[in-house]
Amino acid sequence: MWPMDPSRKEVLRFAVSCRVLTLVLQVLTRFLGSSTPIVYWFPAYLLQDQEPLLRSLETVPWKPLAGACPPGQKVPRNSIMGLLYNWKTCSLVTRCILGYFLSYWLLGLLLHCNFLPWT
């Protein structure tokens, strides 16, 4: 190799170790996210257990009648969209879970489009 002073060697060692760590973290999070359903089962369990709006949405038929909806609440076909539409009436656990997944999605979208390391 070419001769380097000690400070350049340290910078090179730091850059290589950061890149390896980033790659290892990306691969691990991809494996955990795609092969471990527990990561998704636990929030789903908490949502089903803690959120009364989901229990009321399960009893409503898919095509509600014109006056069947409670005033101020929308009943969409997708239950997650129903929780987002009725954000203010959701429990704290539901808000935390939805906020985490929405921020993860938005942050990943922004970082990935800018070629920054994100899974």
N, C-alpha and C. Protein backbone atom coordinates (compact mmCIF):
# COMPACT_ATOMS: atom_id res chain seq x y z
N MET A 1 0.82 -1.19 0.00
CA MET A 1 0.00 0.00 0.00
C MET A 1 0.86 1.25 0.00
N TRP A 2 0.21 2.37 -0.19
CA TRP A 2 0.95 3.62 -0.20
C TRP A 2 1.24 4.06 1.24
N PRO A 3 2.29 4.82 1.41
CA PRO A 3 2.61 5.27 2.78
C PRO A 3 1.60 6.31 3.27
N MET A 4 1.16 6.14 4.49
CA MET A 4 0.18 7.05 5.09
C MET A 4 0.67 7.49 6.45
N ASP A 5 0.30 8.69 6.82
CA ASP A 5 0.62 9.10 8.18
C ASP A 5 -0.43 8.51 9.13
N PRO A 6 -0.15 8.45 10.40
CA PRO A 6 -1.05 7.77 11.36
C PRO A 6 -2.46 8.36 11.41
N SER A 7 -2.61 9.66 11.20
CA SER A 7 -3.95 10.23 11.28
C SER A 7 -4.84 9.76 10.12
N ARG A 8 -4.27 9.58 8.95
CA ARG A 8 -5.05 9.08 7.82
C ARG A 8 -5.44 7.62 8.02
N LYS A 9 -4.55 6.86 8.64
CA LYS A 9 -4.88 5.47 8.92
C LYS A 9 -6.04 5.37 9.90
N GLU A 10 -6.07 6.25 10.88
CA GLU A 10 -7.16 6.24 11.85
C GLU A 10 -8.49 6.64 11.19
N VAL A 11 -8.41 7.62 10.32
CA VAL A 11 -9.63 8.05 9.62
C VAL A 11 -10.14 6.94 8.71
N LEU A 12 -9.22 6.28 8.00
CA LEU A 12 -9.61 5.17 7.14
C LEU A 12 -10.20 4.03 7.96
N ARG A 13 -9.58 3.70 9.07
CA ARG A 13 -10.09 2.63 9.94
C ARG A 13 -11.49 3.00 10.46
N PHE A 14 -11.67 4.25 10.85
CA PHE A 14 -12.97 4.70 11.34
C PHE A 14 -14.03 4.63 10.23
N ALA A 15 -13.69 5.06 9.03
CA ALA A 15 -14.64 5.04 7.91
C ALA A 15 -15.04 3.62 7.55
N VAL A 16 -14.07 2.72 7.52
CA VAL A 16 -14.37 1.32 7.18
C VAL A 16 -15.23 0.68 8.27
N SER A 17 -14.91 0.93 9.53
CA SER A 17 -15.69 0.33 10.61
C SER A 17 -17.12 0.89 10.64
N CYS A 18 -17.28 2.18 10.35
CA CYS A 18 -18.63 2.75 10.28
C CYS A 18 -19.43 2.12 9.14
N ARG A 19 -18.80 1.92 8.02
CA ARG A 19 -19.51 1.32 6.87
C ARG A 19 -19.90 -0.12 7.16
N VAL A 20 -18.99 -0.87 7.77
CA VAL A 20 -19.29 -2.27 8.10
C VAL A 20 -20.42 -2.32 9.12
N LEU A 21 -20.38 -1.46 10.13
CA LEU A 21 -21.43 -1.43 11.14
C LEU A 21 -22.77 -1.07 10.51
N THR A 22 -22.78 -0.12 9.60
CA THR A 22 -24.01 0.28 8.92
C THR A 22 -24.57 -0.88 8.10
N LEU A 23 -23.72 -1.57 7.38
CA LEU A 23 -24.19 -2.70 6.58
C LEU A 23 -24.72 -3.82 7.45
N VAL A 24 -24.04 -4.11 8.55
CA VAL A 24 -24.50 -5.16 9.45
C VAL A 24 -25.85 -4.79 10.05
N LEU A 25 -26.02 -3.54 10.47
CA LEU A 25 -27.30 -3.12 11.03
C LEU A 25 -28.42 -3.17 10.00
N GLN A 26 -28.13 -2.78 8.77
CA GLN A 26 -29.17 -2.83 7.73
C GLN A 26 -29.59 -4.26 7.45
N VAL A 27 -28.62 -5.16 7.34
CA VAL A 27 -28.94 -6.56 7.05
C VAL A 27 -29.70 -7.18 8.22
N LEU A 28 -29.28 -6.89 9.45
CA LEU A 28 -29.98 -7.45 10.60
C LEU A 28 -31.42 -6.94 10.70
N THR A 29 -31.63 -5.66 10.47
CA THR A 29 -33.01 -5.15 10.55
C THR A 29 -33.86 -5.68 9.41
N ARG A 30 -33.28 -5.90 8.26
CA ARG A 30 -34.06 -6.51 7.16
C ARG A 30 -34.44 -7.94 7.50
N PHE A 31 -33.48 -8.71 8.05
CA PHE A 31 -33.80 -10.08 8.43
C PHE A 31 -34.84 -10.12 9.53
N LEU A 32 -34.70 -9.28 10.54
CA LEU A 32 -35.67 -9.29 11.64
C LEU A 32 -37.04 -8.82 11.17
N GLY A 33 -37.06 -7.81 10.33
CA GLY A 33 -38.34 -7.29 9.87
C GLY A 33 -39.08 -8.21 8.93
N SER A 34 -38.35 -8.98 8.15
CA SER A 34 -39.01 -9.82 7.16
C SER A 34 -39.23 -11.26 7.62
N SER A 35 -38.47 -11.70 8.61
CA SER A 35 -38.59 -13.10 8.99
C SER A 35 -39.14 -13.32 10.39
N THR A 36 -39.37 -12.26 11.14
CA THR A 36 -39.86 -12.42 12.50
C THR A 36 -41.22 -11.75 12.62
N PRO A 37 -42.28 -12.52 12.63
CA PRO A 37 -43.60 -11.91 12.73
C PRO A 37 -43.91 -11.37 14.13
N ILE A 38 -43.11 -11.72 15.13
CA ILE A 38 -43.36 -11.24 16.49
C ILE A 38 -43.28 -9.73 16.55
N VAL A 39 -42.42 -9.14 15.71
CA VAL A 39 -42.29 -7.69 15.66
C VAL A 39 -43.62 -7.03 15.30
N TYR A 40 -44.44 -7.70 14.52
CA TYR A 40 -45.72 -7.16 14.10
C TYR A 40 -46.88 -7.72 14.93
N TRP A 41 -46.71 -8.91 15.48
CA TRP A 41 -47.76 -9.51 16.29
C TRP A 41 -48.01 -8.74 17.58
N PHE A 42 -46.93 -8.31 18.22
CA PHE A 42 -47.09 -7.64 19.51
C PHE A 42 -47.85 -6.31 19.38
N PRO A 43 -47.49 -5.42 18.43
CA PRO A 43 -48.32 -4.22 18.29
C PRO A 43 -49.76 -4.53 17.88
N ALA A 44 -49.95 -5.56 17.05
CA ALA A 44 -51.32 -5.93 16.67
C ALA A 44 -52.10 -6.42 17.88
N TYR A 45 -51.45 -7.20 18.73
CA TYR A 45 -52.10 -7.66 19.96
C TYR A 45 -52.47 -6.47 20.85
N LEU A 46 -51.53 -5.53 21.00
CA LEU A 46 -51.83 -4.36 21.82
C LEU A 46 -52.97 -3.53 21.25
N LEU A 47 -52.99 -3.40 19.93
CA LEU A 47 -54.09 -2.64 19.31
C LEU A 47 -55.43 -3.34 19.53
N GLN A 48 -55.48 -4.65 19.36
CA GLN A 48 -56.73 -5.37 19.54
C GLN A 48 -57.17 -5.37 21.00
N ASP A 49 -56.19 -5.38 21.91
CA ASP A 49 -56.50 -5.46 23.32
C ASP A 49 -56.86 -4.10 23.92
N GLN A 50 -56.18 -3.04 23.49
CA GLN A 50 -56.31 -1.74 24.13
C GLN A 50 -57.26 -0.76 23.43
N GLU A 51 -57.58 -0.99 22.19
CA GLU A 51 -58.33 0.01 21.43
C GLU A 51 -59.81 -0.36 21.32
N PRO A 52 -60.69 0.39 21.98
CA PRO A 52 -62.12 0.08 21.88
C PRO A 52 -62.71 0.41 20.51
N LEU A 53 -62.10 1.33 19.77
CA LEU A 53 -62.60 1.69 18.45
C LEU A 53 -62.49 0.51 17.48
N LEU A 54 -61.45 -0.31 17.62
CA LEU A 54 -61.32 -1.49 16.75
C LEU A 54 -62.41 -2.51 17.06
N ARG A 55 -62.76 -2.65 18.31
CA ARG A 55 -63.83 -3.59 18.65
C ARG A 55 -65.16 -3.10 18.10
N SER A 56 -65.39 -1.79 18.10
CA SER A 56 -66.65 -1.28 17.55
C SER A 56 -66.64 -1.36 16.02
N LEU A 57 -65.45 -1.24 15.39
CA LEU A 57 -65.39 -1.35 13.93
C LEU A 57 -65.62 -2.77 13.47
N GLU A 58 -65.28 -3.78 14.32
CA GLU A 58 -65.48 -5.16 13.93
C GLU A 58 -66.97 -5.50 13.86
N THR A 59 -67.78 -4.83 14.66
CA THR A 59 -69.20 -5.15 14.66
C THR A 59 -69.96 -4.43 13.56
N VAL A 60 -69.36 -3.37 12.98
CA VAL A 60 -70.02 -2.62 11.92
C VAL A 60 -69.85 -3.38 10.61
N PRO A 61 -70.89 -3.55 9.81
CA PRO A 61 -70.73 -4.21 8.52
C PRO A 61 -69.84 -3.39 7.58
N TRP A 62 -69.35 -4.04 6.52
CA TRP A 62 -68.41 -3.38 5.62
C TRP A 62 -69.02 -2.17 4.94
N LYS A 63 -70.27 -2.22 4.60
CA LYS A 63 -70.94 -1.07 3.98
C LYS A 63 -71.99 -0.53 4.94
N PRO A 64 -71.59 0.41 5.81
CA PRO A 64 -72.56 0.90 6.79
C PRO A 64 -73.66 1.70 6.12
N LEU A 65 -74.80 1.72 6.76
CA LEU A 65 -75.92 2.50 6.26
C LEU A 65 -75.63 3.98 6.45
N ALA A 66 -76.46 4.81 5.86
CA ALA A 66 -76.20 6.26 5.87
C ALA A 66 -76.17 6.81 7.29
N GLY A 67 -77.07 6.41 8.16
CA GLY A 67 -77.12 6.96 9.51
C GLY A 67 -76.55 6.04 10.56
N ALA A 68 -75.85 4.98 10.17
CA ALA A 68 -75.36 4.00 11.14
C ALA A 68 -74.09 4.44 11.86
N CYS A 69 -73.34 5.38 11.30
CA CYS A 69 -72.09 5.81 11.92
C CYS A 69 -72.36 6.75 13.07
N PRO A 70 -71.56 6.64 14.15
CA PRO A 70 -71.69 7.63 15.22
C PRO A 70 -71.31 9.00 14.69
N PRO A 71 -71.90 10.06 15.21
CA PRO A 71 -71.58 11.40 14.70
C PRO A 71 -70.11 11.74 14.95
N GLY A 72 -69.46 12.26 13.93
CA GLY A 72 -68.07 12.67 14.04
C GLY A 72 -67.06 11.57 13.80
N GLN A 73 -67.50 10.34 13.51
CA GLN A 73 -66.58 9.25 13.27
C GLN A 73 -66.83 8.67 11.88
N LYS A 74 -65.72 8.42 11.17
CA LYS A 74 -65.81 7.79 9.86
C LYS A 74 -65.54 6.30 10.03
N VAL A 75 -66.18 5.47 9.22
CA VAL A 75 -65.96 4.03 9.27
C VAL A 75 -65.47 3.58 7.90
N PRO A 76 -64.14 3.53 7.68
CA PRO A 76 -63.62 3.07 6.40
C PRO A 76 -63.48 1.55 6.38
N ARG A 77 -63.14 1.03 5.23
CA ARG A 77 -62.94 -0.42 5.10
C ARG A 77 -61.66 -0.88 5.78
N ASN A 78 -60.65 -0.06 5.78
CA ASN A 78 -59.38 -0.41 6.39
C ASN A 78 -59.39 0.07 7.84
N SER A 79 -59.16 -0.83 8.79
CA SER A 79 -59.25 -0.45 10.20
C SER A 79 -58.14 0.50 10.63
N ILE A 80 -56.96 0.41 10.02
CA ILE A 80 -55.87 1.34 10.34
C ILE A 80 -56.24 2.75 9.89
N MET A 81 -56.84 2.88 8.73
CA MET A 81 -57.30 4.20 8.29
C MET A 81 -58.39 4.72 9.22
N GLY A 82 -59.21 3.82 9.73
CA GLY A 82 -60.23 4.23 10.70
C GLY A 82 -59.60 4.80 11.96
N LEU A 83 -58.50 4.19 12.40
CA LEU A 83 -57.81 4.72 13.57
C LEU A 83 -57.17 6.07 13.27
N LEU A 84 -56.64 6.23 12.06
CA LEU A 84 -56.03 7.51 11.70
C LEU A 84 -57.07 8.61 11.54
N TYR A 85 -58.23 8.28 10.99
CA TYR A 85 -59.31 9.26 10.85
C TYR A 85 -59.80 9.75 12.22
N ASN A 86 -59.83 8.83 13.17
CA ASN A 86 -60.33 9.14 14.51
C ASN A 86 -59.19 9.22 15.51
N TRP A 87 -58.14 9.93 15.15
CA TRP A 87 -56.91 10.01 15.96
C TRP A 87 -57.19 10.52 17.36
N LYS A 88 -58.03 11.50 17.50
CA LYS A 88 -58.26 12.13 18.81
C LYS A 88 -59.02 11.24 19.77
N THR A 89 -59.78 10.29 19.26
CA THR A 89 -60.53 9.40 20.14
C THR A 89 -59.78 8.12 20.46
N CYS A 90 -58.59 7.93 19.89
CA CYS A 90 -57.81 6.72 20.14
C CYS A 90 -57.14 6.78 21.50
N SER A 91 -56.81 5.60 22.03
CA SER A 91 -56.10 5.54 23.31
C SER A 91 -54.63 5.92 23.12
N LEU A 92 -53.94 6.13 24.22
CA LEU A 92 -52.53 6.53 24.18
C LEU A 92 -51.67 5.43 23.57
N VAL A 93 -51.96 4.17 23.89
CA VAL A 93 -51.20 3.05 23.33
C VAL A 93 -51.33 3.03 21.82
N THR A 94 -52.54 3.23 21.32
CA THR A 94 -52.77 3.23 19.88
C THR A 94 -52.03 4.39 19.21
N ARG A 95 -52.07 5.55 19.83
CA ARG A 95 -51.36 6.70 19.26
C ARG A 95 -49.86 6.45 19.21
N CYS A 96 -49.30 5.84 20.25
CA CYS A 96 -47.86 5.55 20.27
C CYS A 96 -47.48 4.54 19.19
N ILE A 97 -48.27 3.49 19.04
CA ILE A 97 -47.97 2.46 18.04
C ILE A 97 -48.10 3.03 16.63
N LEU A 98 -49.18 3.74 16.36
CA LEU A 98 -49.36 4.33 15.03
C LEU A 98 -48.31 5.40 14.76
N GLY A 99 -47.97 6.19 15.77
CA GLY A 99 -46.94 7.21 15.60
C GLY A 99 -45.58 6.61 15.30
N TYR A 100 -45.26 5.49 15.96
CA TYR A 100 -43.99 4.82 15.69
C TYR A 100 -43.93 4.31 14.26
N PHE A 101 -44.95 3.60 13.83
CA PHE A 101 -44.92 3.03 12.49
C PHE A 101 -44.99 4.10 11.41
N LEU A 102 -45.75 5.16 11.63
CA LEU A 102 -45.80 6.25 10.65
C LEU A 102 -44.49 7.00 10.57
N SER A 103 -43.85 7.26 11.72
CA SER A 103 -42.56 7.97 11.69
C SER A 103 -41.48 7.09 11.08
N TYR A 104 -41.52 5.78 11.35
CA TYR A 104 -40.55 4.86 10.74
C TYR A 104 -40.71 4.86 9.22
N TRP A 105 -41.96 4.83 8.77
CA TRP A 105 -42.22 4.84 7.33
C TRP A 105 -41.76 6.15 6.69
N LEU A 106 -42.11 7.27 7.30
CA LEU A 106 -41.77 8.56 6.72
C LEU A 106 -40.27 8.81 6.76
N LEU A 107 -39.63 8.48 7.87
CA LEU A 107 -38.17 8.66 7.97
C LEU A 107 -37.45 7.76 6.97
N GLY A 108 -37.91 6.52 6.84
CA GLY A 108 -37.30 5.62 5.87
C GLY A 108 -37.49 6.10 4.45
N LEU A 109 -38.65 6.65 4.15
CA LEU A 109 -38.90 7.18 2.82
C LEU A 109 -37.97 8.35 2.51
N LEU A 110 -37.84 9.27 3.44
CA LEU A 110 -36.98 10.44 3.23
C LEU A 110 -35.51 10.07 3.14
N LEU A 111 -35.05 9.19 4.01
CA LEU A 111 -33.63 8.84 4.00
C LEU A 111 -33.27 7.97 2.79
N HIS A 112 -34.15 7.06 2.43
CA HIS A 112 -33.85 6.18 1.30
C HIS A 112 -33.80 6.97 -0.01
N CYS A 113 -34.68 7.92 -0.16
CA CYS A 113 -34.68 8.74 -1.38
C CYS A 113 -33.45 9.61 -1.50
N ASN A 114 -32.82 9.92 -0.38
CA ASN A 114 -31.61 10.73 -0.38
C ASN A 114 -30.33 9.87 -0.31
N PHE A 115 -30.47 8.58 -0.58
CA PHE A 115 -29.35 7.64 -0.62
C PHE A 115 -28.62 7.56 0.72
N LEU A 116 -29.34 7.70 1.81
CA LEU A 116 -28.76 7.54 3.13
C LEU A 116 -29.10 6.14 3.63
N PRO A 117 -28.29 5.59 4.52
CA PRO A 117 -28.53 4.21 4.97
C PRO A 117 -29.79 4.07 5.80
N TRP A 118 -30.73 3.32 5.30
CA TRP A 118 -31.99 3.05 5.97
C TRP A 118 -32.56 1.77 5.40
N THR A 119 -33.24 1.02 6.25
CA THR A 119 -33.84 -0.23 5.75
C THR A 119 -35.33 -0.09 5.61
